[in-house]
Amino acid sequence: MARQVFLTIGAETSRQPGNAEHSSSAVRDWLATRGLQMPELVLENGSGLSRVERISAGSLARLLVDAYAGPLMPEFVSSLPLAGVDGTMKKRNSATGRAHIRTGLLADVRPIAGYVLAASGRRYAVVAIINHPNARDAQGVHDALLQWVYETG
């Protein structure tokens, strides 16, 4: 579905359906209108399921902060799994009920990205991307990070 949305974005802006280069250009143009420069960003197929695609944790965090300030924030945040409650975060026991987090899964890669509502009442954008042959063992590290943000943020 993400790939189809990506290609549709390109088709709508360039009138050339199925062109990933036009889609990537359209996404970059949109980011620029938001003041979000991401020179390291590489979009190949738009789904994130590619060894070629790249984004830095900092750029993804800035995008999350921007999305939180936008008019569609409630719908966007509610689409993210809630830690300890649903989706890919259902069986996680850190920041339970206080973190809306998207996870990812590729061989040797484990990312998390989303928001944690800390015990202090402050909300934080959180991004952690682990690229390593032992990334499959990263869940404990990610859970510890979420819990730490919840407790100390």
N, C-alpha and C. Protein backbone atom coordinates (compact mmCIF):
# COMPACT_ATOMS: atom_id res chain seq x y z
N MET A 1 0.82 -1.19 0.00
CA MET A 1 0.00 0.00 0.00
C MET A 1 0.87 1.26 0.00
N ALA A 2 1.93 1.26 0.81
CA ALA A 2 2.80 2.44 0.86
C ALA A 2 3.42 2.73 -0.51
N ARG A 3 3.82 1.67 -1.20
CA ARG A 3 4.40 1.87 -2.54
C ARG A 3 3.37 2.48 -3.48
N GLN A 4 2.13 2.05 -3.41
CA GLN A 4 1.10 2.60 -4.28
C GLN A 4 0.84 4.07 -3.97
N VAL A 5 0.83 4.43 -2.70
CA VAL A 5 0.67 5.84 -2.32
C VAL A 5 1.84 6.64 -2.87
N PHE A 6 3.06 6.12 -2.71
CA PHE A 6 4.26 6.78 -3.20
C PHE A 6 4.17 7.04 -4.71
N LEU A 7 3.80 6.02 -5.46
CA LEU A 7 3.69 6.17 -6.91
C LEU A 7 2.55 7.10 -7.31
N THR A 8 1.48 7.09 -6.55
CA THR A 8 0.36 7.99 -6.83
C THR A 8 0.78 9.45 -6.62
N ILE A 9 1.58 9.71 -5.60
CA ILE A 9 2.08 11.07 -5.37
C ILE A 9 2.84 11.55 -6.60
N GLY A 10 3.71 10.70 -7.12
CA GLY A 10 4.46 11.08 -8.32
C GLY A 10 3.57 11.27 -9.53
N ALA A 11 2.58 10.40 -9.69
CA ALA A 11 1.66 10.50 -10.83
C ALA A 11 0.84 11.77 -10.77
N GLU A 12 0.41 12.13 -9.57
CA GLU A 12 -0.41 13.34 -9.41
C GLU A 12 0.38 14.61 -9.71
N THR A 13 1.67 14.62 -9.42
CA THR A 13 2.46 15.83 -9.63
C THR A 13 3.12 15.89 -11.00
N SER A 14 3.40 14.74 -11.60
CA SER A 14 4.13 14.74 -12.88
C SER A 14 3.28 14.29 -14.05
N ARG A 15 2.12 13.73 -13.78
CA ARG A 15 1.24 13.16 -14.81
C ARG A 15 1.89 11.98 -15.53
N GLN A 16 2.86 11.34 -14.86
CA GLN A 16 3.51 10.15 -15.40
C GLN A 16 3.39 9.03 -14.38
N PRO A 17 2.40 8.16 -14.52
CA PRO A 17 2.18 7.12 -13.51
C PRO A 17 3.32 6.11 -13.43
N GLY A 18 3.52 5.61 -12.21
CA GLY A 18 4.47 4.54 -12.00
C GLY A 18 5.93 4.94 -12.08
N ASN A 19 6.24 6.19 -11.83
CA ASN A 19 7.61 6.67 -11.94
C ASN A 19 8.14 7.03 -10.55
N ALA A 20 9.03 6.19 -10.01
CA ALA A 20 9.56 6.40 -8.67
C ALA A 20 10.41 7.66 -8.57
N GLU A 21 11.10 8.02 -9.65
CA GLU A 21 11.92 9.25 -9.63
C GLU A 21 11.04 10.48 -9.45
N HIS A 22 9.91 10.51 -10.15
CA HIS A 22 9.00 11.64 -10.00
C HIS A 22 8.38 11.66 -8.61
N SER A 23 8.10 10.47 -8.09
CA SER A 23 7.54 10.39 -6.73
C SER A 23 8.54 10.90 -5.71
N SER A 24 9.78 10.49 -5.84
CA SER A 24 10.83 10.94 -4.93
C SER A 24 10.99 12.46 -5.00
N SER A 25 10.97 12.98 -6.20
CA SER A 25 11.09 14.43 -6.39
C SER A 25 9.91 15.16 -5.74
N ALA A 26 8.71 14.62 -5.90
CA ALA A 26 7.52 15.24 -5.31
C ALA A 26 7.60 15.24 -3.78
N VAL A 27 8.08 14.15 -3.21
CA VAL A 27 8.24 14.09 -1.75
C VAL A 27 9.26 15.12 -1.29
N ARG A 28 10.39 15.21 -1.98
CA ARG A 28 11.41 16.20 -1.62
C ARG A 28 10.88 17.62 -1.72
N ASP A 29 10.11 17.89 -2.78
CA ASP A 29 9.51 19.22 -2.93
C ASP A 29 8.58 19.52 -1.76
N TRP A 30 7.77 18.55 -1.38
CA TRP A 30 6.85 18.74 -0.25
C TRP A 30 7.63 18.99 1.04
N LEU A 31 8.67 18.21 1.27
CA LEU A 31 9.50 18.41 2.46
C LEU A 31 10.08 19.82 2.48
N ALA A 32 10.53 20.29 1.32
CA ALA A 32 11.11 21.64 1.23
C ALA A 32 10.08 22.70 1.59
N THR A 33 8.82 22.50 1.20
CA THR A 33 7.78 23.49 1.56
C THR A 33 7.56 23.52 3.07
N ARG A 34 7.92 22.43 3.75
CA ARG A 34 7.79 22.36 5.21
C ARG A 34 9.07 22.81 5.91
N GLY A 35 10.08 23.18 5.13
CA GLY A 35 11.36 23.58 5.71
C GLY A 35 12.19 22.41 6.20
N LEU A 36 11.92 21.24 5.66
CA LEU A 36 12.62 20.02 6.09
C LEU A 36 13.62 19.59 5.02
N GLN A 37 14.87 19.91 5.24
CA GLN A 37 15.93 19.51 4.33
C GLN A 37 16.49 18.18 4.80
N MET A 38 16.53 17.22 3.90
CA MET A 38 17.02 15.88 4.23
C MET A 38 17.94 15.41 3.11
N PRO A 39 19.16 15.94 3.05
CA PRO A 39 20.04 15.60 1.94
C PRO A 39 20.40 14.12 1.86
N GLU A 40 20.33 13.42 2.98
CA GLU A 40 20.68 11.99 2.99
C GLU A 40 19.51 11.09 2.56
N LEU A 41 18.33 11.65 2.42
CA LEU A 41 17.14 10.87 2.11
C LEU A 41 17.25 10.21 0.74
N VAL A 42 17.02 8.90 0.71
CA VAL A 42 16.97 8.15 -0.55
C VAL A 42 15.65 7.38 -0.54
N LEU A 43 14.84 7.64 -1.55
CA LEU A 43 13.57 6.93 -1.72
C LEU A 43 13.65 6.13 -3.01
N GLU A 44 13.54 4.83 -2.89
CA GLU A 44 13.60 3.98 -4.07
C GLU A 44 12.21 3.47 -4.44
N ASN A 45 11.53 2.86 -3.47
CA ASN A 45 10.21 2.30 -3.78
C ASN A 45 9.11 2.86 -2.88
N GLY A 46 9.47 3.68 -1.92
CA GLY A 46 8.48 4.36 -1.11
C GLY A 46 7.88 3.55 0.02
N SER A 47 8.19 2.28 0.10
CA SER A 47 7.60 1.45 1.15
C SER A 47 8.50 1.31 2.37
N GLY A 48 9.78 1.64 2.21
CA GLY A 48 10.72 1.42 3.30
C GLY A 48 11.30 0.02 3.29
N LEU A 49 10.79 -0.84 2.44
CA LEU A 49 11.26 -2.22 2.37
C LEU A 49 12.31 -2.35 1.28
N SER A 50 13.38 -1.61 1.43
CA SER A 50 14.44 -1.57 0.43
C SER A 50 15.77 -1.38 1.12
N ARG A 51 16.78 -2.04 0.65
CA ARG A 51 18.13 -1.85 1.17
C ARG A 51 18.74 -0.54 0.68
N VAL A 52 18.13 0.07 -0.32
CA VAL A 52 18.65 1.29 -0.90
C VAL A 52 18.13 2.52 -0.15
N GLU A 53 16.89 2.47 0.35
CA GLU A 53 16.29 3.64 0.98
C GLU A 53 17.04 4.02 2.24
N ARG A 54 17.13 5.34 2.49
CA ARG A 54 17.88 5.86 3.62
C ARG A 54 17.21 7.11 4.18
N ILE A 55 17.30 7.26 5.49
CA ILE A 55 16.96 8.50 6.18
C ILE A 55 17.73 8.48 7.49
N SER A 56 18.14 9.63 7.96
CA SER A 56 18.82 9.68 9.25
C SER A 56 17.78 9.73 10.37
N ALA A 57 18.19 9.30 11.54
CA ALA A 57 17.29 9.37 12.70
C ALA A 57 16.90 10.82 12.98
N GLY A 58 17.84 11.74 12.80
CA GLY A 58 17.54 13.15 13.04
C GLY A 58 16.50 13.69 12.08
N SER A 59 16.62 13.33 10.81
CA SER A 59 15.63 13.79 9.82
C SER A 59 14.26 13.21 10.10
N LEU A 60 14.21 11.94 10.46
CA LEU A 60 12.93 11.32 10.78
C LEU A 60 12.32 11.96 12.02
N ALA A 61 13.14 12.30 13.00
CA ALA A 61 12.63 12.97 14.20
C ALA A 61 12.07 14.35 13.86
N ARG A 62 12.75 15.10 13.00
CA ARG A 62 12.24 16.42 12.60
C ARG A 62 10.91 16.28 11.86
N LEU A 63 10.78 15.24 11.04
CA LEU A 63 9.52 15.00 10.35
C LEU A 63 8.40 14.68 11.34
N LEU A 64 8.71 13.89 12.36
CA LEU A 64 7.72 13.58 13.39
C LEU A 64 7.28 14.83 14.15
N VAL A 65 8.23 15.70 14.48
CA VAL A 65 7.89 16.94 15.18
C VAL A 65 6.99 17.80 14.29
N ASP A 66 7.32 17.89 13.01
CA ASP A 66 6.50 18.65 12.07
C ASP A 66 5.10 18.06 11.96
N ALA A 67 5.02 16.73 11.87
CA ALA A 67 3.71 16.07 11.76
C ALA A 67 2.87 16.32 13.00
N TYR A 68 3.50 16.36 14.15
CA TYR A 68 2.76 16.58 15.39
C TYR A 68 2.14 17.98 15.43
N ALA A 69 2.78 18.92 14.77
CA ALA A 69 2.27 20.30 14.75
C ALA A 69 1.22 20.50 13.65
N GLY A 70 0.99 19.49 12.83
CA GLY A 70 0.08 19.63 11.70
C GLY A 70 -1.37 19.35 12.05
N PRO A 71 -2.26 19.70 11.13
CA PRO A 71 -3.70 19.56 11.37
C PRO A 71 -4.19 18.11 11.42
N LEU A 72 -3.40 17.18 10.89
CA LEU A 72 -3.81 15.77 10.88
C LEU A 72 -3.15 14.98 12.01
N MET A 73 -2.55 15.68 12.95
CA MET A 73 -1.85 15.03 14.05
C MET A 73 -2.68 13.98 14.78
N PRO A 74 -3.93 14.24 15.17
CA PRO A 74 -4.66 13.21 15.92
C PRO A 74 -4.83 11.91 15.13
N GLU A 75 -5.14 12.03 13.85
CA GLU A 75 -5.31 10.84 13.02
C GLU A 75 -3.98 10.11 12.84
N PHE A 76 -2.91 10.87 12.62
CA PHE A 76 -1.60 10.26 12.43
C PHE A 76 -1.14 9.52 13.68
N VAL A 77 -1.19 10.19 14.81
CA VAL A 77 -0.72 9.57 16.05
C VAL A 77 -1.56 8.33 16.38
N SER A 78 -2.86 8.42 16.19
CA SER A 78 -3.71 7.27 16.51
C SER A 78 -3.49 6.10 15.57
N SER A 79 -2.86 6.34 14.42
CA SER A 79 -2.55 5.25 13.50
C SER A 79 -1.32 4.46 13.93
N LEU A 80 -0.56 4.99 14.87
CA LEU A 80 0.66 4.31 15.35
C LEU A 80 0.29 3.35 16.48
N PRO A 81 0.88 2.16 16.49
CA PRO A 81 0.60 1.21 17.58
C PRO A 81 0.94 1.80 18.95
N LEU A 82 0.11 1.50 19.93
CA LEU A 82 0.29 1.97 21.30
C LEU A 82 0.99 0.89 22.12
N ALA A 83 2.10 1.26 22.74
CA ALA A 83 2.92 0.30 23.49
C ALA A 83 2.09 -0.45 24.53
N GLY A 84 2.18 -1.77 24.50
CA GLY A 84 1.48 -2.62 25.44
C GLY A 84 0.00 -2.79 25.17
N VAL A 85 -0.49 -2.22 24.06
CA VAL A 85 -1.92 -2.23 23.79
C VAL A 85 -2.27 -2.88 22.45
N ASP A 86 -1.63 -2.46 21.37
CA ASP A 86 -2.05 -2.99 20.07
C ASP A 86 -0.92 -3.06 19.05
N GLY A 87 -1.25 -3.69 17.92
CA GLY A 87 -0.32 -3.77 16.80
C GLY A 87 1.01 -4.41 17.15
N THR A 88 2.05 -3.95 16.48
CA THR A 88 3.38 -4.52 16.69
C THR A 88 3.95 -4.18 18.06
N MET A 89 3.29 -3.31 18.80
CA MET A 89 3.76 -2.93 20.14
C MET A 89 2.96 -3.60 21.25
N LYS A 90 2.01 -4.47 20.90
CA LYS A 90 1.10 -5.05 21.88
C LYS A 90 1.81 -5.81 22.99
N LYS A 91 2.85 -6.55 22.66
CA LYS A 91 3.53 -7.37 23.67
C LYS A 91 4.71 -6.66 24.32
N ARG A 92 4.87 -5.38 24.07
CA ARG A 92 5.97 -4.62 24.65
C ARG A 92 5.52 -4.05 26.00
N ASN A 93 6.41 -4.08 26.97
CA ASN A 93 6.06 -3.66 28.33
C ASN A 93 6.82 -2.43 28.79
N SER A 94 7.18 -1.57 27.87
CA SER A 94 7.85 -0.33 28.25
C SER A 94 6.98 0.85 27.84
N ALA A 95 6.89 1.84 28.69
CA ALA A 95 6.06 3.02 28.44
C ALA A 95 4.65 2.59 28.02
N THR A 96 4.14 1.57 28.69
CA THR A 96 2.85 0.99 28.35
C THR A 96 1.75 2.05 28.36
N GLY A 97 1.03 2.13 27.25
CA GLY A 97 -0.07 3.08 27.12
C GLY A 97 0.38 4.52 26.95
N ARG A 98 1.70 4.74 26.88
CA ARG A 98 2.22 6.11 26.80
C ARG A 98 3.08 6.37 25.56
N ALA A 99 3.25 5.36 24.72
CA ALA A 99 4.11 5.52 23.54
C ALA A 99 3.40 5.02 22.29
N HIS A 100 3.27 5.89 21.32
CA HIS A 100 2.76 5.52 20.00
C HIS A 100 3.98 5.34 19.11
N ILE A 101 4.27 4.09 18.75
CA ILE A 101 5.54 3.77 18.11
C ILE A 101 5.32 2.88 16.89
N ARG A 102 5.95 3.25 15.80
CA ARG A 102 5.99 2.41 14.60
C ARG A 102 7.28 1.62 14.66
N THR A 103 7.19 0.34 14.36
CA THR A 103 8.37 -0.51 14.34
C THR A 103 8.67 -0.89 12.89
N GLY A 104 9.83 -1.48 12.69
CA GLY A 104 10.20 -1.95 11.36
C GLY A 104 10.96 -3.26 11.49
N LEU A 105 11.05 -3.98 10.39
CA LEU A 105 11.71 -5.27 10.43
C LEU A 105 12.31 -5.60 9.06
N LEU A 106 13.61 -5.56 9.00
CA LEU A 106 14.38 -6.06 7.86
C LEU A 106 15.54 -6.84 8.46
N ALA A 107 16.11 -7.74 7.71
CA ALA A 107 17.28 -8.46 8.19
C ALA A 107 18.36 -7.44 8.54
N ASP A 108 18.90 -7.54 9.74
CA ASP A 108 19.97 -6.68 10.24
C ASP A 108 19.56 -5.23 10.50
N VAL A 109 18.25 -4.94 10.50
CA VAL A 109 17.77 -3.58 10.77
C VAL A 109 16.56 -3.65 11.68
N ARG A 110 16.56 -2.85 12.74
CA ARG A 110 15.40 -2.73 13.63
C ARG A 110 15.23 -1.25 13.99
N PRO A 111 14.20 -0.60 13.47
CA PRO A 111 13.92 0.79 13.83
C PRO A 111 12.66 0.91 14.70
N ILE A 112 12.62 1.97 15.45
CA ILE A 112 11.38 2.43 16.09
C ILE A 112 11.30 3.94 15.86
N ALA A 113 10.09 4.45 15.77
CA ALA A 113 9.89 5.88 15.60
C ALA A 113 8.48 6.23 16.06
N GLY A 114 8.36 7.32 16.76
CA GLY A 114 7.05 7.76 17.21
C GLY A 114 7.14 8.76 18.33
N TYR A 115 6.19 8.67 19.24
CA TYR A 115 6.05 9.65 20.32
C TYR A 115 5.90 8.96 21.66
N VAL A 116 6.52 9.55 22.67
CA VAL A 116 6.36 9.08 24.05
C VAL A 116 5.82 10.24 24.87
N LEU A 117 4.73 9.99 25.60
CA LEU A 117 4.21 10.96 26.56
C LEU A 117 4.85 10.62 27.90
N ALA A 118 5.79 11.44 28.32
CA ALA A 118 6.56 11.17 29.53
C ALA A 118 5.70 11.36 30.78
N ALA A 119 6.16 10.81 31.88
CA ALA A 119 5.46 10.95 33.15
C ALA A 119 5.33 12.43 33.54
N SER A 120 6.24 13.26 33.05
CA SER A 120 6.20 14.70 33.32
C SER A 120 5.07 15.40 32.59
N GLY A 121 4.46 14.72 31.61
CA GLY A 121 3.41 15.33 30.80
C GLY A 121 3.93 15.90 29.49
N ARG A 122 5.23 15.87 29.31
CA ARG A 122 5.83 16.37 28.07
C ARG A 122 5.89 15.24 27.03
N ARG A 123 5.64 15.58 25.77
CA ARG A 123 5.67 14.59 24.70
C ARG A 123 6.99 14.73 23.94
N TYR A 124 7.57 13.58 23.61
CA TYR A 124 8.85 13.53 22.90
C TYR A 124 8.72 12.73 21.62
N ALA A 125 9.38 13.20 20.56
CA ALA A 125 9.55 12.39 19.35
C ALA A 125 10.77 11.51 19.61
N VAL A 126 10.64 10.23 19.31
CA VAL A 126 11.70 9.27 19.56
C VAL A 126 11.97 8.47 18.29
N VAL A 127 13.25 8.38 17.92
CA VAL A 127 13.66 7.59 16.76
C VAL A 127 14.93 6.84 17.13
N ALA A 128 14.95 5.56 16.87
CA ALA A 128 16.17 4.76 17.05
C ALA A 128 16.23 3.76 15.90
N ILE A 129 17.33 3.77 15.19
CA ILE A 129 17.51 2.86 14.05
C ILE A 129 18.79 2.08 14.30
N ILE A 130 18.67 0.78 14.37
CA ILE A 130 19.83 -0.07 14.59
C ILE A 130 20.10 -0.86 13.30
N ASN A 131 21.26 -0.63 12.71
CA ASN A 131 21.72 -1.36 11.53
C ASN A 131 22.94 -2.16 11.96
N HIS A 132 22.76 -3.45 12.13
CA HIS A 132 23.86 -4.29 12.61
C HIS A 132 23.45 -5.75 12.44
N PRO A 133 24.41 -6.64 12.22
CA PRO A 133 24.06 -8.05 12.09
C PRO A 133 23.32 -8.62 13.31
N ASN A 134 23.49 -8.00 14.48
CA ASN A 134 22.79 -8.45 15.69
C ASN A 134 21.53 -7.62 15.98
N ALA A 135 21.04 -6.90 14.98
CA ALA A 135 19.87 -6.04 15.19
C ALA A 135 18.65 -6.82 15.67
N ARG A 136 18.57 -8.10 15.34
CA ARG A 136 17.43 -8.90 15.79
C ARG A 136 17.30 -8.92 17.30
N ASP A 137 18.39 -8.61 18.02
CA ASP A 137 18.39 -8.58 19.48
C ASP A 137 18.15 -7.18 20.04
N ALA A 138 17.69 -6.25 19.23
CA ALA A 138 17.57 -4.85 19.61
C ALA A 138 16.33 -4.52 20.44
N GLN A 139 15.36 -5.40 20.51
CA GLN A 139 14.11 -5.05 21.18
C GLN A 139 14.32 -4.56 22.61
N GLY A 140 15.19 -5.22 23.34
CA GLY A 140 15.45 -4.80 24.72
C GLY A 140 16.02 -3.40 24.81
N VAL A 141 16.89 -3.05 23.88
CA VAL A 141 17.47 -1.71 23.85
C VAL A 141 16.39 -0.68 23.53
N HIS A 142 15.58 -0.97 22.55
CA HIS A 142 14.49 -0.06 22.19
C HIS A 142 13.52 0.11 23.36
N ASP A 143 13.16 -1.00 24.00
CA ASP A 143 12.24 -0.92 25.14
C ASP A 143 12.84 -0.09 26.28
N ALA A 144 14.13 -0.28 26.53
CA ALA A 144 14.79 0.49 27.59
C ALA A 144 14.79 1.98 27.25
N LEU A 145 15.01 2.31 25.98
CA LEU A 145 14.97 3.71 25.57
C LEU A 145 13.59 4.31 25.80
N LEU A 146 12.55 3.62 25.37
CA LEU A 146 11.19 4.13 25.55
C LEU A 146 10.86 4.32 27.03
N GLN A 147 11.24 3.36 27.85
CA GLN A 147 10.97 3.47 29.28
C GLN A 147 11.75 4.63 29.90
N TRP A 148 13.00 4.80 29.47
CA TRP A 148 13.82 5.89 29.99
C TRP A 148 13.22 7.25 29.63
N VAL A 149 12.78 7.41 28.37
CA VAL A 149 12.14 8.67 27.96
C VAL A 149 10.87 8.89 28.79
N TYR A 150 10.09 7.85 28.97
CA TYR A 150 8.87 7.97 29.77
C TYR A 150 9.19 8.42 31.21
N GLU A 151 10.18 7.80 31.83
CA GLU A 151 10.47 8.07 33.24
C GLU A 151 11.22 9.38 33.46
N THR A 152 12.10 9.75 32.55
CA THR A 152 12.98 10.90 32.82
C THR A 152 12.66 12.13 31.99
N GLY A 153 11.81 11.98 30.99
CA GLY A 153 11.53 13.10 30.09
C GLY A 153 10.70 14.18 30.71
